[in-house]
Amino acid sequence: MKATSPKDKGTLEEITLFCRENNLPDSDAQYLFWKWEGNGWTNGGRPIKSWRGTVKSWQAAGYLPSQKNQPQQKKKSDFGMLR
């Protein structure tokens, strides 16, 4: 498997800013950064092509830690609100 190049990796600061812009807490940004850093910037064993796209996808699916800590409710997809 080809390693993800450094240009494809987000910094903790970039991911935090992106999460803030999408109304996600800093704790989600820290979780994502350290999870991906520890996994060699892969998701499900595949290199992450777009960390921004992955954040939005996880947000829409309700996979983020801040979303898992909330009571279950019908979630509206955020895909229509991509920047």
C-alpha atoms as a PDB file:
ATOM      1  CA  MET A   1       0.000   0.000   0.000  1.00  0.00           C
ATOM      2  CA  LYS A   2       1.305   3.423  -0.942  1.00  0.00           C
ATOM      3  CA  ALA A   3       1.830   5.764   2.012  1.00  0.00           C
ATOM      4  CA  THR A   4      -0.062   9.038   2.062  1.00  0.00           C
ATOM      5  CA  SER A   5       2.222  11.939   1.215  1.00  0.00           C
ATOM      6  CA  PRO A   6       2.704  14.715   3.780  1.00  0.00           C
ATOM      7  CA  LYS A   7       0.829  17.190   1.562  1.00  0.00           C
ATOM      8  CA  ASP A   8      -2.322  15.076   2.013  1.00  0.00           C
ATOM      9  CA  LYS A   9      -2.136  15.215   5.802  1.00  0.00           C
ATOM     10  CA  GLY A  10      -3.847  17.938   7.764  1.00  0.00           C
ATOM     11  CA  THR A  11      -2.224  19.505  10.777  1.00  0.00           C
ATOM     12  CA  LEU A  12      -4.001  19.510  14.113  1.00  0.00           C
ATOM     13  CA  GLU A  13      -4.524  23.243  13.672  1.00  0.00           C
ATOM     14  CA  GLU A  14      -6.050  22.860  10.187  1.00  0.00           C
ATOM     15  CA  ILE A  15      -8.391  20.105  11.304  1.00  0.00           C
ATOM     16  CA  THR A  16      -9.411  22.074  14.402  1.00  0.00           C
ATOM     17  CA  LEU A  17     -10.217  25.140  12.289  1.00  0.00           C
ATOM     18  CA  PHE A  18     -12.189  23.051   9.787  1.00  0.00           C
ATOM     19  CA  CYS A  19     -14.157  21.402  12.593  1.00  0.00           C
ATOM     20  CA  ARG A  20     -14.930  24.794  14.158  1.00  0.00           C
ATOM     21  CA  GLU A  21     -16.159  26.075  10.781  1.00  0.00           C
ATOM     22  CA  ASN A  22     -18.503  23.057  10.675  1.00  0.00           C
ATOM     23  CA  ASN A  23     -19.774  23.511  14.244  1.00  0.00           C
ATOM     24  CA  LEU A  24     -17.837  20.554  15.623  1.00  0.00           C
ATOM     25  CA  PRO A  25     -15.985  20.678  18.942  1.00  0.00           C
ATOM     26  CA  ASP A  26     -12.203  20.803  19.219  1.00  0.00           C
ATOM     27  CA  SER A  27     -12.340  17.374  20.871  1.00  0.00           C
ATOM     28  CA  ASP A  28     -13.548  15.852  17.574  1.00  0.00           C
ATOM     29  CA  ALA A  29     -10.637  17.476  15.737  1.00  0.00           C
ATOM     30  CA  GLN A  30      -8.146  16.089  18.256  1.00  0.00           C
ATOM     31  CA  TYR A  31      -9.713  12.635  18.055  1.00  0.00           C
ATOM     32  CA  LEU A  32      -9.571  12.608  14.241  1.00  0.00           C
ATOM     33  CA  PHE A  33      -6.014  13.925  14.022  1.00  0.00           C
ATOM     34  CA  TRP A  34      -4.565  11.432  16.500  1.00  0.00           C
ATOM     35  CA  LYS A  35      -6.603   8.514  15.126  1.00  0.00           C
ATOM     36  CA  TRP A  36      -5.395   9.188  11.600  1.00  0.00           C
ATOM     37  CA  GLU A  37      -1.836   9.895  12.722  1.00  0.00           C
ATOM     38  CA  GLY A  38      -1.802   6.575  14.585  1.00  0.00           C
ATOM     39  CA  ASN A  39      -3.290   4.718  11.613  1.00  0.00           C
ATOM     40  CA  GLY A  40      -0.836   6.146   9.070  1.00  0.00           C
ATOM     41  CA  TRP A  41      -3.495   8.460   7.612  1.00  0.00           C
ATOM     42  CA  THR A  42      -5.766   5.637   6.538  1.00  0.00           C
ATOM     43  CA  ASN A  43      -9.490   5.066   6.933  1.00  0.00           C
ATOM     44  CA  GLY A  44     -10.641   1.470   6.864  1.00  0.00           C
ATOM     45  CA  GLY A  45      -7.168   0.450   5.695  1.00  0.00           C
ATOM     46  CA  ARG A  46      -7.211   2.776   2.684  1.00  0.00           C
ATOM     47  CA  PRO A  47      -5.193   5.995   2.395  1.00  0.00           C
ATOM     48  CA  ILE A  48      -7.207   9.108   3.129  1.00  0.00           C
ATOM     49  CA  LYS A  49      -7.497  11.076  -0.119  1.00  0.00           C
ATOM     50  CA  SER A  50      -9.284  14.060   1.422  1.00  0.00           C
ATOM     51  CA  TRP A  51      -9.321  14.529   5.175  1.00  0.00           C
ATOM     52  CA  ARG A  52     -11.890  17.329   4.769  1.00  0.00           C
ATOM     53  CA  GLY A  53     -14.173  14.990   2.844  1.00  0.00           C
ATOM     54  CA  THR A  54     -13.671  12.329   5.495  1.00  0.00           C
ATOM     55  CA  VAL A  55     -14.638  14.751   8.279  1.00  0.00           C
ATOM     56  CA  LYS A  56     -17.831  15.728   6.404  1.00  0.00           C
ATOM     57  CA  SER A  57     -18.648  12.093   5.673  1.00  0.00           C
ATOM     58  CA  TRP A  58     -18.184  11.054   9.302  1.00  0.00           C
ATOM     59  CA  GLN A  59     -20.232  14.064  10.425  1.00  0.00           C
ATOM     60  CA  ALA A  60     -23.106  13.177   8.084  1.00  0.00           C
ATOM     61  CA  ALA A  61     -23.020   9.547   9.244  1.00  0.00           C
ATOM     62  CA  GLY A  62     -22.910  10.498  12.930  1.00  0.00           C
ATOM     63  CA  TYR A  63     -19.569   8.737  13.571  1.00  0.00           C
ATOM     64  CA  LEU A  64     -17.855  11.542  15.497  1.00  0.00           C
ATOM     65  CA  PRO A  65     -17.372  11.169  19.265  1.00  0.00           C
ATOM     66  CA  SER A  66     -19.461  14.261  20.035  1.00  0.00           C
ATOM     67  CA  GLN A  67     -22.326  12.799  18.022  1.00  0.00           C
ATOM     68  CA  LYS A  68     -22.117   9.385  19.670  1.00  0.00           C
ATOM     69  CA  ASN A  69     -22.512  10.991  23.102  1.00  0.00           C
ATOM     70  CA  GLN A  70     -25.878  12.499  22.161  1.00  0.00           C
ATOM     71  CA  PRO A  71     -29.245  10.729  22.412  1.00  0.00           C
ATOM     72  CA  GLN A  72     -30.280   8.993  19.209  1.00  0.00           C
ATOM     73  CA  GLN A  73     -32.339  11.216  16.966  1.00  0.00           C
ATOM     74  CA  LYS A  74     -32.997  11.419  13.297  1.00  0.00           C
ATOM     75  CA  LYS A  75     -29.978  13.087  11.685  1.00  0.00           C
ATOM     76  CA  LYS A  76     -30.244  15.338   8.664  1.00  0.00           C
ATOM     77  CA  SER A  77     -27.502  14.892   6.086  1.00  0.00           C
ATOM     78  CA  ASP A  78     -25.087  17.809   5.790  1.00  0.00           C
ATOM     79  CA  PHE A  79     -23.976  16.897   2.261  1.00  0.00           C
ATOM     80  CA  GLY A  80     -26.085  19.689   0.779  1.00  0.00           C
ATOM     81  CA  MET A  81     -24.124  22.207   2.824  1.00  0.00           C
ATOM     82  CA  LEU A  82     -20.615  21.413   1.589  1.00  0.00           C
ATOM     83  CA  ARG A  83     -18.341  24.388   1.117  1.00  0.00           C
END
